[in-house]
PDB file of N, CA and C in Angstrom:
ATOM      1  N   UNK A   1      74.129 -29.407 -99.308  1.00  0.00           N
ATOM      2  CA  UNK A   1      75.177 -30.216 -98.894  1.00  0.00           C
ATOM      3  C   UNK A   1      75.287 -28.924 -97.800  1.00  0.00           C
ATOM      4  N   UNK A   2      76.045 -27.938 -97.871  1.00  0.00           N
ATOM      5  CA  UNK A   2      76.660 -26.933 -97.069  1.00  0.00           C
ATOM      6  C   UNK A   2      75.721 -26.541 -96.057  1.00  0.00           C
ATOM      7  N   UNK A   3      74.597 -26.155 -95.863  1.00  0.00           N
ATOM      8  CA  UNK A   3      73.369 -26.136 -95.789  1.00  0.00           C
ATOM      9  C   UNK A   3      72.661 -26.912 -94.453  1.00  0.00           C
ATOM     10  N   UNK A   4      73.294 -28.195 -95.036  1.00  0.00           N
ATOM     11  CA  UNK A   4      73.236 -29.405 -93.264  1.00  0.00           C
ATOM     12  C   UNK A   4      74.134 -28.882 -92.590  1.00  0.00           C
ATOM     13  N   UNK A   5      75.559 -29.088 -93.321  1.00  0.00           N
ATOM     14  CA  UNK A   5      76.685 -29.037 -92.442  1.00  0.00           C
ATOM     15  C   UNK A   5      76.474 -28.093 -91.642  1.00  0.00           C
ATOM     16  N   UNK A   6      76.172 -27.256 -91.908  1.00  0.00           N
ATOM     17  CA  UNK A   6      75.588 -25.693 -90.841  1.00  0.00           C
ATOM     18  C   UNK A   6      74.692 -26.374 -89.853  1.00  0.00           C
ATOM     19  N   UNK A   7      73.574 -26.981 -90.083  1.00  0.00           N
ATOM     20  CA  UNK A   7      72.295 -26.793 -89.661  1.00  0.00           C
ATOM     21  C   UNK A   7      73.107 -28.201 -88.209  1.00  0.00           C
ATOM     22  N   UNK A   8      74.044 -29.544 -89.015  1.00  0.00           N
ATOM     23  CA  UNK A   8      74.502 -30.411 -88.324  1.00  0.00           C
ATOM     24  C   UNK A   8      75.108 -29.593 -87.260  1.00  0.00           C
ATOM     25  N   UNK A   9      76.495 -29.078 -87.500  1.00  0.00           N
ATOM     26  CA  UNK A   9      77.186 -28.067 -86.842  1.00  0.00           C
ATOM     27  C   UNK A   9      76.537 -27.047 -85.430  1.00  0.00           C
ATOM     28  N   UNK A  10      75.063 -26.666 -85.622  1.00  0.00           N
ATOM     29  CA  UNK A  10      75.056 -25.473 -84.777  1.00  0.00           C
ATOM     30  C   UNK A  10      73.885 -26.736 -83.631  1.00  0.00           C
ATOM     31  N   UNK A  11      73.432 -27.955 -84.225  1.00  0.00           N
ATOM     32  CA  UNK A  11      72.910 -29.035 -83.596  1.00  0.00           C
ATOM     33  C   UNK A  11      74.299 -29.280 -82.708  1.00  0.00           C
ATOM     34  N   UNK A  12      75.002 -29.647 -83.195  1.00  0.00           N
ATOM     35  CA  UNK A  12      76.710 -29.999 -82.119  1.00  0.00           C
ATOM     36  C   UNK A  12      76.872 -29.625 -81.237  1.00  0.00           C
ATOM     37  N   UNK A  13      76.496 -28.171 -81.644  1.00  0.00           N
ATOM     38  CA  UNK A  13      76.922 -27.241 -80.740  1.00  0.00           C
ATOM     39  C   UNK A  13      76.202 -27.285 -79.507  1.00  0.00           C
ATOM     40  N   UNK A  14      75.203 -27.098 -80.253  1.00  0.00           N
ATOM     41  CA  UNK A  14      74.408 -26.912 -79.140  1.00  0.00           C
ATOM     42  C   UNK A  14      73.987 -28.148 -77.399  1.00  0.00           C
ATOM     43  N   UNK A  15      74.139 -29.402 -78.032  1.00  0.00           N
ATOM     44  CA  UNK A  15      74.795 -30.530 -77.114  1.00  0.00           C
ATOM     45  C   UNK A  15      75.629 -30.040 -76.550  1.00  0.00           C
ATOM     46  N   UNK A  16      76.806 -30.208 -77.370  1.00  0.00           N
ATOM     47  CA  UNK A  16      78.052 -29.311 -75.838  1.00  0.00           C
ATOM     48  C   UNK A  16      77.697 -28.376 -75.034  1.00  0.00           C
ATOM     49  N   UNK A  17      76.502 -27.121 -75.666  1.00  0.00           N
ATOM     50  CA  UNK A  17      76.473 -26.176 -74.484  1.00  0.00           C
ATOM     51  C   UNK A  17      75.820 -27.046 -73.644  1.00  0.00           C
ATOM     52  N   UNK A  18      74.938 -28.126 -73.534  1.00  0.00           N
ATOM     53  CA  UNK A  18      73.824 -28.475 -72.840  1.00  0.00           C
ATOM     54  C   UNK A  18      74.737 -29.716 -71.532  1.00  0.00           C
ATOM     55  N   UNK A  19      75.902 -30.586 -72.566  1.00  0.00           N
ATOM     56  CA  UNK A  19      76.577 -31.097 -71.579  1.00  0.00           C
ATOM     57  C   UNK A  19      77.124 -30.138 -70.835  1.00  0.00           C
ATOM     58  N   UNK A  20      78.464 -29.354 -71.541  1.00  0.00           N
ATOM     59  CA  UNK A  20      78.693 -28.529 -70.435  1.00  0.00           C
ATOM     60  C   UNK A  20      78.131 -27.906 -69.298  1.00  0.00           C
ATOM     61  N   UNK A  21      77.149 -27.051 -69.400  1.00  0.00           N
ATOM     62  CA  UNK A  21      76.628 -26.881 -68.171  1.00  0.00           C
ATOM     63  C   UNK A  21      75.956 -27.900 -67.379  1.00  0.00           C
ATOM     64  N   UNK A  22      75.835 -29.126 -67.895  1.00  0.00           N
ATOM     65  CA  UNK A  22      75.213 -30.212 -66.972  1.00  0.00           C
ATOM     66  C   UNK A  22      76.577 -30.398 -66.250  1.00  0.00           C
ATOM     67  N   UNK A  23      77.523 -30.605 -66.455  1.00  0.00           N
ATOM     68  CA  UNK A  23      79.253 -31.404 -66.394  1.00  0.00           C
ATOM     69  C   UNK A  23      79.223 -29.198 -65.011  1.00  0.00           C
ATOM     70  N   UNK A  24      79.337 -28.648 -65.407  1.00  0.00           N
ATOM     71  CA  UNK A  24      79.175 -27.563 -64.621  1.00  0.00           C
ATOM     72  C   UNK A  24      78.771 -27.764 -63.204  1.00  0.00           C
ATOM     73  N   UNK A  25      77.308 -27.958 -63.576  1.00  0.00           N
ATOM     74  CA  UNK A  25      76.065 -27.838 -62.671  1.00  0.00           C
ATOM     75  C   UNK A  25      76.554 -29.102 -61.842  1.00  0.00           C
ATOM     76  N   UNK A  26      77.317 -30.479 -62.118  1.00  0.00           N
ATOM     77  CA  UNK A  26      77.780 -31.290 -60.790  1.00  0.00           C
ATOM     78  C   UNK A  26      78.956 -31.145 -59.956  1.00  0.00           C
ATOM     79  N   UNK A  27      79.304 -30.263 -61.119  1.00  0.00           N
ATOM     80  CA  UNK A  27      80.998 -30.538 -60.208  1.00  0.00           C
ATOM     81  C   UNK A  27      80.752 -29.018 -59.478  1.00  0.00           C
ATOM     82  N   UNK A  28      80.059 -28.340 -59.278  1.00  0.00           N
ATOM     83  CA  UNK A  28      79.637 -26.925 -58.386  1.00  0.00           C
ATOM     84  C   UNK A  28      79.358 -28.129 -57.133  1.00  0.00           C
ATOM     85  N   UNK A  29      77.976 -28.804 -57.745  1.00  0.00           N
ATOM     86  CA  UNK A  29      77.545 -29.625 -56.107  1.00  0.00           C
ATOM     87  C   UNK A  29      78.393 -30.602 -55.697  1.00  0.00           C
ATOM     88  N   UNK A  30      79.299 -31.363 -56.128  1.00  0.00           N
ATOM     89  CA  UNK A  30      80.486 -31.540 -55.737  1.00  0.00           C
ATOM     90  C   UNK A  30      81.121 -31.152 -54.997  1.00  0.00           C
ATOM     91  N   UNK A  31      81.780 -30.097 -55.327  1.00  0.00           N
ATOM     92  CA  UNK A  31      82.340 -28.957 -54.561  1.00  0.00           C
ATOM     93  C   UNK A  31      81.682 -28.439 -53.340  1.00  0.00           C
ATOM     94  N   UNK A  32      80.534 -28.222 -53.273  1.00  0.00           N
ATOM     95  CA  UNK A  32      79.548 -27.918 -52.118  1.00  0.00           C
ATOM     96  C   UNK A  32      79.251 -29.270 -50.872  1.00  0.00           C
ATOM     97  N   UNK A  33      79.563 -30.377 -51.215  1.00  0.00           N
ATOM     98  CA  UNK A  33      79.254 -31.791 -50.905  1.00  0.00           C
ATOM     99  C   UNK A  33      80.507 -31.185 -49.756  1.00  0.00           C
ATOM    100  N   UNK A  34      80.100 -32.160 -48.485  1.00  0.00           N
ATOM    101  CA  UNK A  34      80.743 -32.117 -47.537  1.00  0.00           C
ATOM    102  C   UNK A  34      82.090 -32.859 -47.500  1.00  0.00           C
ATOM    103  N   UNK A  35      83.621 -32.959 -47.632  1.00  0.00           N
ATOM    104  CA  UNK A  35      85.106 -33.256 -47.996  1.00  0.00           C
ATOM    105  C   UNK A  35      84.620 -35.184 -47.482  1.00  0.00           C
ATOM    106  N   UNK A  36      83.802 -35.729 -46.472  1.00  0.00           N
ATOM    107  CA  UNK A  36      84.067 -36.714 -46.500  1.00  0.00           C
ATOM    108  C   UNK A  36      82.800 -37.739 -47.295  1.00  0.00           C
ATOM    109  N   UNK A  37      82.094 -37.464 -47.859  1.00  0.00           N
ATOM    110  CA  UNK A  37      80.901 -37.855 -48.758  1.00  0.00           C
ATOM    111  C   UNK A  37      81.375 -38.193 -50.413  1.00  0.00           C
ATOM    112  N   UNK A  38      81.546 -39.542 -50.202  1.00  0.00           N
ATOM    113  CA  UNK A  38      81.956 -39.920 -51.354  1.00  0.00           C
ATOM    114  C   UNK A  38      83.153 -39.147 -52.234  1.00  0.00           C
ATOM    115  N   UNK A  39      83.973 -39.089 -51.865  1.00  0.00           N
ATOM    116  CA  UNK A  39      85.104 -38.555 -52.531  1.00  0.00           C
ATOM    117  C   UNK A  39      86.377 -39.483 -52.442  1.00  0.00           C
ATOM    118  N   UNK A  40      86.635 -39.652 -53.869  1.00  0.00           N
ATOM    119  CA  UNK A  40      88.104 -40.867 -54.158  1.00  0.00           C
ATOM    120  C   UNK A  40      88.976 -40.511 -52.610  1.00  0.00           C
ATOM    121  N   UNK A  41      89.440 -41.606 -52.000  1.00  0.00           N
ATOM    122  CA  UNK A  41      90.658 -41.361 -51.762  1.00  0.00           C
ATOM    123  C   UNK A  41      91.539 -41.142 -51.531  1.00  0.00           C
ATOM    124  N   UNK A  42      92.656 -40.712 -51.243  1.00  0.00           N
ATOM    125  CA  UNK A  42      94.300 -39.738 -51.082  1.00  0.00           C
ATOM    126  C   UNK A  42      94.610 -40.799 -50.990  1.00  0.00           C
ATOM    127  N   UNK A  43      96.173 -41.094 -51.554  1.00  0.00           N
ATOM    128  CA  UNK A  43      97.703 -41.940 -51.593  1.00  0.00           C
ATOM    129  C   UNK A  43      97.478 -42.032 -49.487  1.00  0.00           C
ATOM    130  N   UNK A  44      97.150 -41.007 -48.845  1.00  0.00           N
ATOM    131  CA  UNK A  44      97.509 -41.384 -47.417  1.00  0.00           C
ATOM    132  C   UNK A  44      96.433 -42.313 -47.296  1.00  0.00           C
ATOM    133  N   UNK A  45      94.980 -42.239 -47.200  1.00  0.00           N
ATOM    134  CA  UNK A  45      94.343 -42.985 -46.992  1.00  0.00           C
ATOM    135  C   UNK A  45      94.073 -44.456 -46.960  1.00  0.00           C
ATOM    136  N   UNK A  46      94.812 -44.306 -48.639  1.00  0.00           N
ATOM    137  CA  UNK A  46      94.436 -46.032 -48.838  1.00  0.00           C
ATOM    138  C   UNK A  46      95.691 -46.347 -48.441  1.00  0.00           C
ATOM    139  N   UNK A  47      97.000 -46.325 -48.184  1.00  0.00           N
ATOM    140  CA  UNK A  47      98.097 -47.151 -47.256  1.00  0.00           C
ATOM    141  C   UNK A  47      97.472 -47.046 -46.114  1.00  0.00           C
ATOM    142  N   UNK A  48      96.780 -46.080 -45.603  1.00  0.00           N
ATOM    143  CA  UNK A  48      96.408 -46.601 -44.013  1.00  0.00           C
ATOM    144  C   UNK A  48      95.511 -47.494 -44.057  1.00  0.00           C
ATOM    145  N   UNK A  49      94.332 -47.733 -45.091  1.00  0.00           N
ATOM    146  CA  UNK A  49      93.774 -49.097 -45.045  1.00  0.00           C
ATOM    147  C   UNK A  49      93.876 -50.278 -45.501  1.00  0.00           C
ATOM    148  N   UNK A  50      95.222 -50.252 -46.019  1.00  0.00           N
ATOM    149  CA  UNK A  50      95.930 -51.221 -47.277  1.00  0.00           C
ATOM    150  C   UNK A  50      95.938 -52.397 -46.068  1.00  0.00           C
ATOM    151  N   UNK A  51      95.694 -53.826 -47.211  1.00  0.00           N
ATOM    152  CA  UNK A  51      96.095 -54.714 -46.286  1.00  0.00           C
ATOM    153  C   UNK A  51      97.455 -55.741 -46.632  1.00  0.00           C
ATOM    154  N   UNK A  52      97.212 -55.243 -47.904  1.00  0.00           N
ATOM    155  CA  UNK A  52      98.767 -55.567 -49.170  1.00  0.00           C
ATOM    156  C   UNK A  52     100.029 -55.949 -47.983  1.00  0.00           C
ATOM    157  N   UNK A  53     100.828 -56.615 -48.209  1.00  0.00           N
ATOM    158  CA  UNK A  53     102.539 -56.854 -47.674  1.00  0.00           C
ATOM    159  C   UNK A  53     102.770 -56.319 -48.569  1.00  0.00           C
ATOM    160  N   UNK A  54     104.350 -55.165 -47.630  1.00  0.00           N
ATOM    161  CA  UNK A  54     104.759 -54.106 -48.560  1.00  0.00           C
ATOM    162  C   UNK A  54     105.729 -55.197 -48.903  1.00  0.00           C
ATOM    163  N   UNK A  55     105.979 -54.508 -50.058  1.00  0.00           N
ATOM    164  CA  UNK A  55     107.200 -55.610 -50.700  1.00  0.00           C
ATOM    165  C   UNK A  55     108.594 -54.869 -50.586  1.00  0.00           C
ATOM    166  N   UNK A  56     109.098 -54.013 -50.189  1.00  0.00           N
ATOM    167  CA  UNK A  56     110.207 -53.592 -49.586  1.00  0.00           C
ATOM    168  C   UNK A  56     110.532 -54.483 -48.508  1.00  0.00           C
ATOM    169  N   UNK A  57     109.749 -54.701 -47.386  1.00  0.00           N
ATOM    170  CA  UNK A  57     109.820 -55.357 -46.116  1.00  0.00           C
ATOM    171  C   UNK A  57     109.567 -56.754 -46.497  1.00  0.00           C
ATOM    172  N   UNK A  58     109.079 -57.194 -47.226  1.00  0.00           N
ATOM    173  CA  UNK A  58     108.500 -59.002 -47.436  1.00  0.00           C
ATOM    174  C   UNK A  58     108.033 -59.133 -46.109  1.00  0.00           C
ATOM    175  N   UNK A  59     107.200 -58.395 -46.108  1.00  0.00           N
ATOM    176  CA  UNK A  59     106.418 -59.393 -44.550  1.00  0.00           C
ATOM    177  C   UNK A  59     106.776 -59.522 -43.534  1.00  0.00           C
ATOM    178  N   UNK A  60     107.957 -59.176 -43.339  1.00  0.00           N
ATOM    179  CA  UNK A  60     108.722 -59.057 -41.464  1.00  0.00           C
ATOM    180  C   UNK A  60     108.101 -57.795 -41.089  1.00  0.00           C
ATOM    181  N   UNK A  61     108.912 -57.699 -39.900  1.00  0.00           N
ATOM    182  CA  UNK A  61     108.764 -56.178 -39.049  1.00  0.00           C
ATOM    183  C   UNK A  61     108.744 -55.010 -39.347  1.00  0.00           C
ATOM    184  N   UNK A  62     108.473 -53.951 -39.552  1.00  0.00           N
ATOM    185  CA  UNK A  62     108.597 -53.124 -40.158  1.00  0.00           C
ATOM    186  C   UNK A  62     109.905 -52.025 -38.645  1.00  0.00           C
TER     187      UNK A  62
END
């Protein structure tokens, strides 16, 4: 039984190492991409393109 646990832990560790490598490569790829290419919008971009009525003004003139 202990031998099986060692084997399973080794297999799990190998999967974690493989996944971490893929994640690091993807993060490096995204870091090298131009900033305008599919990045999540920051708060300023969201506010600049928002069509919602601001609750504090009640939709009146600003």
